[in-house]
Amino acid sequence: MARENANDLPLLPVRLHLLFRSIEGLFACVNPECSGKECDPHNPSPNRYGRLYLSEKTKCEDCQAPVIELSSCRKCGQAYSLVRLAGNQLTTLPRSLAAIENKDNIYTLTSGGLDSITEDEEEETEFPEPNPEDQNSLSFSQFILYEENHGMGWLGQPILNLPEVTPKGKSKAKSKSPSKSSQNLPPVNGKQYHLVLHLDKDNKVGYLPKCPACGAGRSDTPSLRRFASSTDAPLEVIIDSLFGLLPEPIQSDENTNISTKRKLLTFSDGRQDASFFASHYQRTHTEALYRQTVWQAFQNDKNSDGIASIGSVEQKLYQQFLQNSIPHPDRNSEWHHRSPHSARNGMRKTITKQVQGANNSVGRW
């Protein structure tokens, strides 16, 4: 852009209006041998799915296999597939799973066994510890996606009377009377894709509010979540990135003798949304700066073994807070957004508490 000096603003200011589209879900081809799949060179494990999509599809564009929506456990990160049947026809999942009246036709699947069965001690207050007896009583059967010859699209069918598939990939014989859904098996002459079907402890199908891998989840807060983004968090990342790209001019205004600062304006259709986001962004941005400052202070103070004393890190933190004018990060209203000078005692307590939380005396971070 044309500018009088290298550090000046452009002669013709440019204002950009950016439209951000939130992610509405993550969709995957069920064919692990899909020609369009992306492989991680650093991950030796084979792909469980084919090509990924950020928009809803019924068939893969590369191999014509069915495409289903993915979800994950917000506690352990185990990936799951969610499908919905209308009769035996594969249909679209509604946008809001909480608004579904009949969840019996929603199936929780995985491509292969569970990656791991974990327990997270950090969320004991939110989620009760998984009961080993309940964990072992979960059934793992099969779910078949198949295509009939007359072009009716992809169909799905749970096969509940086949040998049970354990999380480790082993099969365990289980006698069960043939179910209604397994009396008519899909045709063997068409394309078929087999997935693992997860049932609850009563061997019932339907949407599972609890994660089969770690047991997280409650009736009012299901653990399985879709890969969908809201508005606030992505917008915060965009604002931080854009603001960092704006040039910081060093010249001063001739009339006020005040340096021109970078400016970025955000707006919303509603006053309440705008008011909420202003304070929300200020708080989250301050907390992000605080975390970066903690890490930088440790990096500058650690020795060759990666060890630093808490007292030294605390002192460097306080100096950086004063030097960079970072507001107090504590959400306590007594200290929040007060300057480091006026909240020095509270800041020292907060820094000591945060650092000691990582390690009591001397720690390897």
Protein backbone atom coordinates (compact mmCIF):
# COMPACT_ATOMS: atom_id res chain seq x y z
CA MET A 1 0.00 0.00 0.00
CA ALA A 2 1.11 3.55 -0.72
CA ARG A 3 2.30 5.39 2.39
CA GLU A 4 4.39 8.49 2.93
CA ASN A 5 6.81 6.78 5.27
CA ALA A 6 7.40 3.15 6.07
CA ASN A 7 5.85 3.46 9.53
CA ASP A 8 2.89 5.66 8.50
CA LEU A 9 -0.66 4.56 7.91
CA PRO A 10 -1.69 4.01 4.27
CA LEU A 11 -2.66 7.09 2.29
CA LEU A 12 -5.91 5.36 1.37
CA PRO A 13 -7.20 3.64 4.50
CA VAL A 14 -8.77 0.26 3.90
CA ARG A 15 -11.63 -1.03 6.02
CA LEU A 16 -12.35 -4.71 5.77
CA HIS A 17 -15.62 -6.38 6.70
CA LEU A 18 -15.08 -10.05 7.47
CA LEU A 19 -17.85 -12.62 7.57
CA PHE A 20 -17.11 -15.62 9.75
CA ARG A 21 -19.10 -18.80 9.34
CA SER A 22 -19.22 -21.05 12.36
CA ILE A 23 -18.45 -24.74 11.96
CA GLU A 24 -21.73 -26.63 11.91
CA GLY A 25 -20.22 -30.07 12.35
CA LEU A 26 -17.51 -32.49 11.27
CA PHE A 27 -18.47 -35.26 8.87
CA ALA A 28 -16.42 -38.28 7.85
CA CYS A 29 -16.46 -40.93 5.17
CA VAL A 30 -16.82 -44.35 6.80
CA ASN A 31 -14.47 -46.02 4.32
CA PRO A 32 -10.98 -46.24 5.90
CA GLU A 33 -9.52 -46.96 2.44
CA CYS A 34 -11.03 -43.81 0.92
CA SER A 35 -8.79 -42.32 -1.77
CA GLY A 36 -9.41 -38.81 -0.42
CA LYS A 37 -8.30 -39.45 3.17
CA GLU A 38 -5.53 -37.40 4.75
CA CYS A 39 -2.85 -39.33 6.65
CA ASP A 40 -0.77 -37.91 9.47
CA PRO A 41 2.88 -38.83 8.77
CA HIS A 42 3.66 -38.68 12.50
CA ASN A 43 0.85 -41.02 13.52
CA PRO A 44 1.57 -44.71 12.83
CA SER A 45 -2.01 -45.77 13.62
CA PRO A 46 -4.15 -46.55 10.58
CA ASN A 47 -6.99 -44.24 9.64
CA ARG A 48 -10.39 -45.25 10.91
CA TYR A 49 -12.26 -42.92 8.61
CA GLY A 50 -11.81 -41.56 5.12
CA ARG A 51 -12.13 -38.00 3.91
CA LEU A 52 -13.40 -35.36 6.35
CA TYR A 53 -15.95 -32.67 5.49
CA LEU A 54 -17.03 -29.46 7.23
CA SER A 55 -20.43 -29.50 5.53
CA GLU A 56 -23.05 -32.19 5.55
CA LYS A 57 -22.83 -34.85 2.85
CA THR A 58 -24.69 -38.05 2.13
CA LYS A 59 -21.97 -39.69 0.01
CA CYS A 60 -18.23 -39.25 -0.17
CA GLU A 61 -17.09 -37.33 -3.24
CA ASP A 62 -14.12 -39.68 -3.72
CA CYS A 63 -15.35 -43.21 -3.02
CA GLN A 64 -19.15 -42.80 -2.82
CA ALA A 65 -19.22 -44.34 0.68
CA PRO A 66 -21.69 -42.97 3.25
CA VAL A 67 -20.71 -39.86 5.21
CA ILE A 68 -21.79 -39.58 8.84
CA GLU A 69 -21.34 -36.96 11.53
CA LEU A 70 -18.62 -37.19 14.17
CA SER A 71 -18.71 -36.23 17.82
CA SER A 72 -16.32 -36.59 20.74
CA CYS A 73 -16.33 -36.92 24.49
CA ARG A 74 -15.56 -33.58 26.08
CA LYS A 75 -13.69 -35.34 28.88
CA CYS A 76 -11.48 -38.03 27.29
CA GLY A 77 -11.68 -37.01 23.60
CA GLN A 78 -12.86 -40.40 22.30
CA ALA A 79 -14.34 -39.95 18.81
CA TYR A 80 -17.79 -41.31 18.00
CA SER A 81 -20.11 -41.39 15.02
CA LEU A 82 -23.74 -40.41 15.35
CA VAL A 83 -26.34 -41.69 12.90
CA ARG A 84 -30.10 -41.50 12.82
CA LEU A 85 -32.50 -43.92 11.17
CA ALA A 86 -36.02 -43.29 9.91
CA GLY A 87 -37.14 -46.87 9.51
CA ASN A 88 -33.92 -48.21 8.09
CA GLN A 89 -33.10 -45.13 6.00
CA LEU A 90 -30.06 -43.10 7.02
CA THR A 91 -31.31 -39.55 7.73
CA THR A 92 -29.91 -36.21 8.85
CA LEU A 93 -29.33 -35.51 12.51
CA PRO A 94 -31.20 -32.48 13.86
CA ARG A 95 -29.21 -29.41 14.79
CA SER A 96 -30.11 -29.69 18.47
CA LEU A 97 -29.81 -33.12 20.02
CA ALA A 98 -31.41 -31.85 23.23
CA ALA A 99 -34.64 -31.08 21.38
CA ILE A 100 -35.09 -34.63 20.10
CA GLU A 101 -38.18 -36.25 21.54
CA ASN A 102 -37.33 -39.80 20.44
CA LYS A 103 -33.65 -40.62 20.85
CA ASP A 104 -34.11 -44.36 20.34
CA ASN A 105 -33.35 -44.04 16.63
CA ILE A 106 -29.99 -42.32 17.21
CA TYR A 107 -27.03 -44.70 17.33
CA THR A 108 -23.60 -44.13 18.88
CA LEU A 109 -20.91 -45.82 16.78
CA THR A 110 -17.16 -46.09 16.46
CA SER A 111 -15.02 -47.26 13.58
CA GLY A 112 -13.36 -50.11 15.43
CA GLY A 113 -13.00 -50.47 19.20
CA LEU A 114 -12.51 -47.70 21.72
CA ASP A 115 -9.10 -46.04 21.68
CA SER A 116 -8.76 -46.28 25.45
CA ILE A 117 -10.72 -46.43 28.66
CA THR A 118 -9.58 -43.61 30.92
CA GLU A 119 -10.49 -41.97 34.18
CA ASP A 120 -9.89 -38.27 34.80
CA GLU A 121 -9.38 -37.34 38.44
CA GLU A 122 -9.60 -33.60 37.74
CA GLU A 123 -13.37 -33.69 37.26
CA GLU A 124 -14.40 -35.76 40.24
CA THR A 125 -16.80 -33.06 41.41
CA GLU A 126 -18.54 -32.79 38.07
CA PHE A 127 -18.58 -36.44 37.04
CA PRO A 128 -18.72 -39.39 39.44
CA GLU A 129 -16.04 -42.02 39.10
CA PRO A 130 -17.02 -44.69 36.55
CA ASN A 131 -18.22 -47.93 38.10
CA PRO A 132 -16.16 -50.85 36.72
CA GLU A 133 -19.18 -53.11 36.85
CA ASP A 134 -21.25 -50.66 34.84
CA GLN A 135 -18.35 -50.15 32.43
CA ASN A 136 -18.02 -53.86 31.74
CA SER A 137 -21.75 -54.28 31.35
CA LEU A 138 -21.86 -52.00 28.31
CA SER A 139 -22.59 -54.00 25.17
CA PHE A 140 -20.66 -53.60 21.94
CA SER A 141 -22.47 -54.99 18.94
CA GLN A 142 -22.41 -54.18 15.22
CA PHE A 143 -24.06 -51.64 12.99
CA ILE A 144 -24.07 -52.15 9.24
CA LEU A 145 -24.37 -49.44 6.61
CA TYR A 146 -25.34 -50.87 3.26
CA GLU A 147 -26.73 -49.84 -0.11
CA GLU A 148 -29.49 -51.62 -1.96
CA ASN A 149 -29.38 -52.11 -5.69
CA HIS A 150 -32.38 -49.93 -6.51
CA GLY A 151 -30.65 -46.70 -5.50
CA MET A 152 -32.64 -45.79 -2.38
CA GLY A 153 -29.53 -44.37 -0.73
CA TRP A 154 -27.63 -45.70 2.24
CA LEU A 155 -29.47 -47.80 4.80
CA GLY A 156 -28.48 -48.73 8.32
CA GLN A 157 -29.25 -51.67 10.54
CA PRO A 158 -28.12 -52.67 14.04
CA ILE A 159 -27.23 -56.35 14.31
CA LEU A 160 -27.84 -57.14 17.96
CA ASN A 161 -27.51 -60.94 17.96
CA LEU A 162 -23.95 -61.13 16.61
CA PRO A 163 -20.98 -61.86 18.91
CA GLU A 164 -20.27 -58.98 21.22
CA VAL A 165 -17.25 -56.85 20.33
CA THR A 166 -15.21 -55.76 23.34
CA PRO A 167 -13.41 -52.38 23.51
CA LYS A 168 -10.07 -54.11 22.88
CA GLY A 169 -11.27 -55.63 19.62
CA LYS A 170 -11.90 -59.15 20.96
CA SER A 171 -15.18 -60.95 20.49
CA LYS A 172 -17.16 -62.58 23.25
CA ALA A 173 -19.98 -64.99 22.54
CA LYS A 174 -23.26 -63.79 23.92
CA SER A 175 -26.52 -65.66 23.63
CA LYS A 176 -29.47 -63.45 22.87
CA SER A 177 -32.72 -64.10 21.13
CA PRO A 178 -32.85 -62.65 17.62
CA SER A 179 -34.08 -59.09 17.75
CA LYS A 180 -36.64 -57.58 15.49
CA SER A 181 -34.02 -55.43 13.80
CA SER A 182 -31.76 -58.40 12.99
CA GLN A 183 -34.31 -60.74 11.45
CA ASN A 184 -33.87 -59.21 8.01
CA LEU A 185 -30.14 -59.01 7.38
CA PRO A 186 -28.89 -56.61 4.70
CA PRO A 187 -28.09 -58.03 1.26
CA VAL A 188 -24.61 -59.44 0.91
CA ASN A 189 -24.25 -58.47 -2.74
CA GLY A 190 -24.18 -54.72 -2.05
CA LYS A 191 -21.55 -52.50 -0.46
CA GLN A 192 -21.37 -52.84 3.31
CA TYR A 193 -19.49 -50.98 6.03
CA HIS A 194 -19.34 -52.39 9.55
CA LEU A 195 -19.13 -50.12 12.59
CA VAL A 196 -19.17 -50.89 16.31
CA LEU A 197 -22.50 -50.12 17.96
CA HIS A 198 -22.42 -49.03 21.61
CA LEU A 199 -25.37 -49.84 23.85
CA ASP A 200 -26.16 -48.80 27.39
CA LYS A 201 -25.85 -51.13 30.38
CA ASP A 202 -29.39 -52.40 29.74
CA ASN A 203 -28.43 -53.36 26.16
CA LYS A 204 -30.72 -50.70 24.75
CA VAL A 205 -30.06 -48.69 21.61
CA GLY A 206 -30.36 -44.92 21.44
CA TYR A 207 -28.35 -41.79 22.12
CA LEU A 208 -25.92 -42.32 25.00
CA PRO A 209 -25.62 -39.45 27.48
CA LYS A 210 -22.50 -41.06 28.97
CA CYS A 211 -19.21 -41.76 27.23
CA PRO A 212 -18.64 -45.53 26.81
CA ALA A 213 -14.88 -45.02 27.17
CA CYS A 214 -14.64 -43.03 30.42
CA GLY A 215 -18.17 -42.95 31.81
CA ALA A 216 -18.38 -39.15 31.79
CA GLY A 217 -21.72 -37.46 31.47
CA ARG A 218 -24.95 -36.88 33.32
CA SER A 219 -28.57 -36.85 32.31
CA ASP A 220 -28.68 -33.05 32.17
CA THR A 221 -25.23 -32.56 30.60
CA PRO A 222 -24.37 -35.25 28.02
CA SER A 223 -20.69 -35.88 27.48
CA LEU A 224 -20.79 -36.45 23.72
CA ARG A 225 -20.54 -33.20 21.80
CA ARG A 226 -20.57 -32.38 18.14
CA PHE A 227 -17.76 -30.55 16.39
CA ALA A 228 -19.64 -27.27 16.18
CA SER A 229 -18.27 -23.85 17.05
CA SER A 230 -20.14 -21.00 18.65
CA THR A 231 -19.58 -17.35 17.77
CA ASP A 232 -17.64 -15.87 20.67
CA ALA A 233 -14.57 -18.13 20.84
CA PRO A 234 -13.70 -18.05 17.10
CA LEU A 235 -14.32 -14.30 17.00
CA GLU A 236 -11.88 -13.79 19.86
CA VAL A 237 -9.18 -15.68 17.94
CA ILE A 238 -9.87 -13.66 14.79
CA ILE A 239 -9.70 -10.36 16.69
CA ASP A 240 -6.39 -11.26 18.32
CA SER A 241 -4.92 -12.32 14.97
CA LEU A 242 -6.14 -9.26 13.09
CA PHE A 243 -5.06 -6.85 15.79
CA GLY A 244 -1.58 -8.33 15.76
CA LEU A 245 -1.33 -7.72 12.01
CA LEU A 246 -2.24 -4.04 12.28
CA PRO A 247 0.82 -1.75 12.14
CA GLU A 248 1.68 0.27 15.21
CA PRO A 249 2.57 3.81 13.99
CA ILE A 250 5.21 5.71 15.92
CA GLN A 251 4.30 9.22 14.77
CA SER A 252 2.34 11.55 17.05
CA ASP A 253 -0.66 13.65 16.18
CA GLU A 254 0.43 17.27 15.66
CA ASN A 255 -2.58 18.71 17.50
CA THR A 256 -2.73 16.44 20.54
CA ASN A 257 0.86 15.15 20.57
CA ILE A 258 -0.62 11.70 21.21
CA SER A 259 0.53 8.73 19.20
CA THR A 260 -2.03 7.21 16.88
CA LYS A 261 -2.95 3.76 18.13
CA ARG A 262 -4.23 0.69 16.37
CA LYS A 263 -8.00 0.42 16.36
CA LEU A 264 -10.36 -2.47 15.74
CA LEU A 265 -14.13 -2.16 15.98
CA THR A 266 -16.53 -5.03 16.61
CA PHE A 267 -20.28 -4.70 16.55
CA SER A 268 -23.36 -6.83 16.96
CA ASP A 269 -27.00 -6.70 15.96
CA GLY A 270 -28.12 -6.49 19.59
CA ARG A 271 -27.04 -4.28 22.45
CA GLN A 272 -27.00 -7.13 24.92
CA ASP A 273 -24.78 -9.24 22.67
CA ALA A 274 -22.40 -6.33 22.13
CA SER A 275 -22.24 -5.55 25.85
CA PHE A 276 -21.64 -9.18 26.76
CA PHE A 277 -18.93 -9.71 24.17
CA ALA A 278 -17.06 -6.53 25.16
CA SER A 279 -16.59 -7.64 28.76
CA HIS A 280 -16.18 -11.30 27.78
CA TYR A 281 -13.42 -10.53 25.29
CA GLN A 282 -11.64 -8.24 27.75
CA ARG A 283 -11.63 -10.98 30.37
CA THR A 284 -10.56 -13.84 28.09
CA HIS A 285 -7.88 -11.71 26.42
CA THR A 286 -6.47 -10.75 29.81
CA GLU A 287 -6.44 -14.38 30.90
CA ALA A 288 -4.66 -15.37 27.69
CA LEU A 289 -2.03 -12.69 28.29
CA TYR A 290 -1.64 -13.94 31.84
CA ARG A 291 -1.02 -17.51 30.72
CA GLN A 292 1.48 -16.36 28.10
CA THR A 293 3.26 -14.26 30.71
CA VAL A 294 3.52 -17.21 33.11
CA TRP A 295 5.04 -19.38 30.39
CA GLN A 296 7.48 -16.68 29.23
CA ALA A 297 8.61 -16.03 32.80
CA PHE A 298 9.30 -19.72 33.29
CA GLN A 299 11.15 -20.01 29.96
CA ASN A 300 13.39 -17.07 30.89
CA ASP A 301 14.19 -18.43 34.35
CA LYS A 302 14.53 -22.19 33.90
CA ASN A 303 17.92 -23.86 33.97
CA SER A 304 19.32 -26.47 31.60
CA ASP A 305 17.27 -29.19 33.31
CA GLY A 306 14.02 -27.30 32.79
CA ILE A 307 13.68 -26.39 36.50
CA ALA A 308 12.86 -22.96 37.92
CA SER A 309 12.15 -21.73 41.42
CA ILE A 310 8.71 -20.38 42.19
CA GLY A 311 10.08 -17.26 43.86
CA SER A 312 12.13 -16.29 40.82
CA VAL A 313 9.25 -16.95 38.42
CA GLU A 314 6.93 -14.91 40.63
CA GLN A 315 9.29 -11.94 40.59
CA LYS A 316 9.66 -12.03 36.82
CA LEU A 317 5.89 -12.30 36.47
CA TYR A 318 5.32 -9.22 38.55
CA GLN A 319 7.90 -7.24 36.59
CA GLN A 320 6.31 -8.21 33.27
CA PHE A 321 2.86 -7.33 34.55
CA LEU A 322 4.05 -3.83 35.43
CA GLN A 323 6.10 -3.40 32.27
CA ASN A 324 3.32 -4.49 29.89
CA SER A 325 0.45 -2.99 31.94
CA ILE A 326 -1.45 -6.26 32.05
CA PRO A 327 -4.60 -5.91 34.20
CA HIS A 328 -5.09 -8.15 37.17
CA PRO A 329 -6.24 -11.58 35.89
CA ASP A 330 -8.19 -12.67 38.96
CA ARG A 331 -11.95 -12.90 38.30
CA ASN A 332 -12.58 -11.76 41.84
CA SER A 333 -14.36 -8.42 41.55
CA GLU A 334 -12.03 -6.99 44.20
CA TRP A 335 -9.03 -7.27 41.89
CA HIS A 336 -10.35 -7.91 38.38
CA HIS A 337 -9.18 -5.33 35.79
CA ARG A 338 -7.46 -3.19 38.39
CA SER A 339 -3.99 -1.98 37.53
CA PRO A 340 -0.99 -3.92 38.84
CA HIS A 341 0.04 -0.89 40.91
CA SER A 342 -3.23 -0.64 42.84
CA ALA A 343 -3.66 -4.39 43.18
CA ARG A 344 -0.10 -5.35 43.99
CA ASN A 345 -0.85 -7.37 47.10
CA GLY A 346 -3.71 -9.23 45.47
CA MET A 347 -1.62 -9.90 42.39
CA ARG A 348 1.23 -11.36 44.42
CA LYS A 349 -1.22 -13.68 46.15
CA THR A 350 -2.71 -14.73 42.82
CA ILE A 351 0.67 -15.35 41.21
CA THR A 352 1.86 -17.36 44.20
CA LYS A 353 -1.33 -19.41 44.21
CA GLN A 354 -1.15 -20.14 40.48
CA VAL A 355 2.52 -21.06 40.51
CA GLN A 356 2.24 -23.17 43.65
CA GLY A 357 -0.67 -24.98 42.07
CA ALA A 358 1.72 -26.27 39.42
CA ASN A 359 4.28 -27.39 42.00
CA ASN A 360 4.62 -26.86 45.74
CA SER A 361 8.20 -25.62 45.86
CA VAL A 362 10.39 -26.32 42.87
CA GLY A 363 8.85 -27.82 39.79
CA ARG A 364 9.47 -29.10 36.31
CA TRP A 365 6.75 -27.59 34.10
